[in-house]
Amino acid sequence: MDPSAEAFQLEMQRRGYQVVHANNDVENGIQMMTSEVRNGQMVVCDNCPNTIREMESYVWDSKASERGEDKPLKKNDHTMDALRYVIATDKVIEYNPYTHNPNEYAQNRFQPRSYF
């Protein structure tokens, strides 16, 4: 879950769910996602039209590019955020609900796996 969604996190915990904070590093997450798509480790099913639509319409911030930064516009990107969270957060070696260290996510970065 997005670490900034505190109220939702508390509600999910109240209902008995274990909450894992997602790795919210946008640039690293995009790099991981791009690499997994390129290497065939992640595919999008054709019956996921919203995911396909968002991937095809992902927009980069031209003002940030002028400053030499790669930064997406945060617009109509909820599915892309969710995919980033799954790809990056799934790499945690050992879950500890009281800490959040994004450096743990990169250790097993390119291990093939199935989500189905």
C-alpha atoms as a PDB file:
ATOM      1  CA  MET A   1       0.000   0.000   0.000  1.00  0.00           C
ATOM      2  CA  ASP A   2       1.107   3.545  -0.641  1.00  0.00           C
ATOM      3  CA  PRO A   3       2.916   4.608   2.555  1.00  0.00           C
ATOM      4  CA  SER A   4       1.138   7.969   2.492  1.00  0.00           C
ATOM      5  CA  ALA A   5      -2.338   6.367   2.702  1.00  0.00           C
ATOM      6  CA  GLU A   6      -2.343   6.351   6.499  1.00  0.00           C
ATOM      7  CA  ALA A   7      -6.115   6.444   7.073  1.00  0.00           C
ATOM      8  CA  PHE A   8      -6.671   3.563   4.658  1.00  0.00           C
ATOM      9  CA  GLN A   9      -3.827   1.618   6.274  1.00  0.00           C
ATOM     10  CA  LEU A  10      -5.385   2.005   9.717  1.00  0.00           C
ATOM     11  CA  GLU A  11      -8.775   0.894   8.412  1.00  0.00           C
ATOM     12  CA  MET A  12      -7.281  -2.201   6.761  1.00  0.00           C
ATOM     13  CA  GLN A  13      -5.416  -3.087   9.957  1.00  0.00           C
ATOM     14  CA  ARG A  14      -8.604  -2.579  11.962  1.00  0.00           C
ATOM     15  CA  ARG A  15     -10.250  -5.129   9.663  1.00  0.00           C
ATOM     16  CA  GLY A  16      -7.455  -7.615  10.325  1.00  0.00           C
ATOM     17  CA  TYR A  17      -5.309  -7.222   7.221  1.00  0.00           C
ATOM     18  CA  GLN A  18      -1.535  -7.152   7.353  1.00  0.00           C
ATOM     19  CA  VAL A  19      -0.371  -3.979   5.610  1.00  0.00           C
ATOM     20  CA  VAL A  20       2.940  -3.758   3.751  1.00  0.00           C
ATOM     21  CA  HIS A  21       4.238  -0.323   2.822  1.00  0.00           C
ATOM     22  CA  ALA A  22       5.069  -0.145  -0.859  1.00  0.00           C
ATOM     23  CA  ASN A  23       8.433   1.032  -2.057  1.00  0.00           C
ATOM     24  CA  ASN A  24       7.413   4.461  -3.356  1.00  0.00           C
ATOM     25  CA  ASP A  25      10.673   5.304  -5.156  1.00  0.00           C
ATOM     26  CA  VAL A  26       9.205   6.374  -8.519  1.00  0.00           C
ATOM     27  CA  GLU A  27      12.382   6.536 -10.611  1.00  0.00           C
ATOM     28  CA  ASN A  28      13.769   3.205  -9.377  1.00  0.00           C
ATOM     29  CA  GLY A  29      10.339   1.580  -9.702  1.00  0.00           C
ATOM     30  CA  ILE A  30       9.984   2.704 -13.316  1.00  0.00           C
ATOM     31  CA  GLN A  31      13.462   1.378 -14.097  1.00  0.00           C
ATOM     32  CA  MET A  32      12.607  -1.977 -12.497  1.00  0.00           C
ATOM     33  CA  MET A  33       9.308  -2.169 -14.380  1.00  0.00           C
ATOM     34  CA  THR A  34      10.925  -1.268 -17.715  1.00  0.00           C
ATOM     35  CA  SER A  35      13.627  -3.867 -17.181  1.00  0.00           C
ATOM     36  CA  GLU A  36      11.139  -6.603 -16.323  1.00  0.00           C
ATOM     37  CA  VAL A  37       9.015  -5.833 -19.394  1.00  0.00           C
ATOM     38  CA  ARG A  38      12.106  -5.745 -21.628  1.00  0.00           C
ATOM     39  CA  ASN A  39      13.385  -9.071 -20.223  1.00  0.00           C
ATOM     40  CA  GLY A  40      10.000 -10.776 -20.537  1.00  0.00           C
ATOM     41  CA  GLN A  41       9.661 -11.134 -16.757  1.00  0.00           C
ATOM     42  CA  MET A  42       6.464  -9.061 -16.734  1.00  0.00           C
ATOM     43  CA  VAL A  43       3.688  -9.204 -19.272  1.00  0.00           C
ATOM     44  CA  VAL A  44       0.308  -7.515 -19.364  1.00  0.00           C
ATOM     45  CA  CYS A  45      -2.665  -9.632 -20.369  1.00  0.00           C
ATOM     46  CA  ASP A  46      -4.796  -8.301 -23.212  1.00  0.00           C
ATOM     47  CA  ASN A  47      -7.846  -8.443 -20.927  1.00  0.00           C
ATOM     48  CA  CYS A  48      -6.364  -5.630 -18.778  1.00  0.00           C
ATOM     49  CA  PRO A  49      -7.495  -2.642 -20.872  1.00  0.00           C
ATOM     50  CA  ASN A  50      -6.931  -0.014 -18.162  1.00  0.00           C
ATOM     51  CA  THR A  51      -3.354  -1.156 -17.601  1.00  0.00           C
ATOM     52  CA  ILE A  52      -2.642  -1.094 -21.336  1.00  0.00           C
ATOM     53  CA  ARG A  53      -4.282   2.325 -21.720  1.00  0.00           C
ATOM     54  CA  GLU A  54      -2.237   3.798 -18.863  1.00  0.00           C
ATOM     55  CA  MET A  55       1.015   2.310 -20.165  1.00  0.00           C
ATOM     56  CA  GLU A  56       0.382   3.746 -23.606  1.00  0.00           C
ATOM     57  CA  SER A  57      -0.544   7.176 -22.257  1.00  0.00           C
ATOM     58  CA  TYR A  58       2.192   7.544 -19.617  1.00  0.00           C
ATOM     59  CA  VAL A  59       3.459  11.122 -19.905  1.00  0.00           C
ATOM     60  CA  TRP A  60       6.825  12.522 -18.887  1.00  0.00           C
ATOM     61  CA  ASP A  61       7.188  16.006 -17.406  1.00  0.00           C
ATOM     62  CA  SER A  62       8.753  18.194 -20.120  1.00  0.00           C
ATOM     63  CA  LYS A  63       9.752  20.897 -17.602  1.00  0.00           C
ATOM     64  CA  ALA A  64      11.631  18.312 -15.539  1.00  0.00           C
ATOM     65  CA  SER A  65      13.327  17.069 -18.728  1.00  0.00           C
ATOM     66  CA  GLU A  66      14.590  20.592 -19.398  1.00  0.00           C
ATOM     67  CA  ARG A  67      16.281  20.411 -15.972  1.00  0.00           C
ATOM     68  CA  GLY A  68      17.812  17.036 -16.869  1.00  0.00           C
ATOM     69  CA  GLU A  69      15.374  14.997 -14.746  1.00  0.00           C
ATOM     70  CA  ASP A  70      13.307  11.978 -15.751  1.00  0.00           C
ATOM     71  CA  LYS A  71      10.004  12.489 -14.000  1.00  0.00           C
ATOM     72  CA  PRO A  72       6.522  11.340 -14.993  1.00  0.00           C
ATOM     73  CA  LEU A  73       3.493  13.582 -14.716  1.00  0.00           C
ATOM     74  CA  LYS A  74       1.346  12.292 -11.877  1.00  0.00           C
ATOM     75  CA  LYS A  75      -1.834  12.127 -13.938  1.00  0.00           C
ATOM     76  CA  ASN A  76      -4.113   9.126 -14.604  1.00  0.00           C
ATOM     77  CA  ASP A  77      -1.430   6.739 -13.335  1.00  0.00           C
ATOM     78  CA  HIS A  78      -3.041   4.699 -10.568  1.00  0.00           C
ATOM     79  CA  THR A  79      -2.513   1.385 -12.347  1.00  0.00           C
ATOM     80  CA  MET A  80       1.118   2.258 -13.096  1.00  0.00           C
ATOM     81  CA  ASP A  81       1.645   3.113  -9.432  1.00  0.00           C
ATOM     82  CA  ALA A  82       0.109  -0.225  -8.421  1.00  0.00           C
ATOM     83  CA  LEU A  83       2.355  -2.137 -10.845  1.00  0.00           C
ATOM     84  CA  ARG A  84       5.417  -0.300  -9.542  1.00  0.00           C
ATOM     85  CA  TYR A  85       4.443  -1.174  -5.981  1.00  0.00           C
ATOM     86  CA  VAL A  86       4.007  -4.861  -6.832  1.00  0.00           C
ATOM     87  CA  ILE A  87       7.290  -5.111  -8.700  1.00  0.00           C
ATOM     88  CA  ALA A  88       9.381  -3.178  -6.186  1.00  0.00           C
ATOM     89  CA  THR A  89       7.732  -4.219  -2.927  1.00  0.00           C
ATOM     90  CA  ASP A  90       7.565  -7.906  -3.745  1.00  0.00           C
ATOM     91  CA  LYS A  91      11.363  -7.934  -3.422  1.00  0.00           C
ATOM     92  CA  VAL A  92      11.457  -7.550   0.366  1.00  0.00           C
ATOM     93  CA  ILE A  93      13.654 -10.287   1.818  1.00  0.00           C
ATOM     94  CA  GLU A  94      11.960 -10.332   5.207  1.00  0.00           C
ATOM     95  CA  TYR A  95       8.858  -8.365   6.128  1.00  0.00           C
ATOM     96  CA  ASN A  96       9.152  -6.195   9.211  1.00  0.00           C
ATOM     97  CA  PRO A  97       6.015  -4.075   9.753  1.00  0.00           C
ATOM     98  CA  TYR A  98       7.883  -1.509  11.842  1.00  0.00           C
ATOM     99  CA  THR A  99      10.540  -0.485   9.337  1.00  0.00           C
ATOM    100  CA  HIS A 100      10.560   0.653   5.737  1.00  0.00           C
ATOM    101  CA  ASN A 101      13.938   0.510   4.035  1.00  0.00           C
ATOM    102  CA  PRO A 102      13.743   0.863   0.224  1.00  0.00           C
ATOM    103  CA  ASN A 103      17.328  -0.463  -0.091  1.00  0.00           C
ATOM    104  CA  GLU A 104      16.028  -3.942   0.777  1.00  0.00           C
ATOM    105  CA  TYR A 105      13.976  -4.037  -2.417  1.00  0.00           C
ATOM    106  CA  ALA A 106      16.848  -4.117  -4.884  1.00  0.00           C
ATOM    107  CA  GLN A 107      18.623  -7.192  -3.491  1.00  0.00           C
ATOM    108  CA  ASN A 108      16.650  -9.793  -5.479  1.00  0.00           C
ATOM    109  CA  ARG A 109      15.799  -7.446  -8.299  1.00  0.00           C
ATOM    110  CA  PHE A 110      15.782  -9.662 -11.385  1.00  0.00           C
ATOM    111  CA  GLN A 111      14.436 -12.978 -10.151  1.00  0.00           C
ATOM    112  CA  PRO A 112      11.774 -14.302 -12.576  1.00  0.00           C
ATOM    113  CA  ARG A 113       8.456 -14.972 -10.936  1.00  0.00           C
ATOM    114  CA  SER A 114       4.820 -15.488 -11.744  1.00  0.00           C
ATOM    115  CA  TYR A 115       1.992 -13.341 -10.416  1.00  0.00           C
ATOM    116  CA  PHE A 116      -0.716 -15.855 -11.361  1.00  0.00           C
END
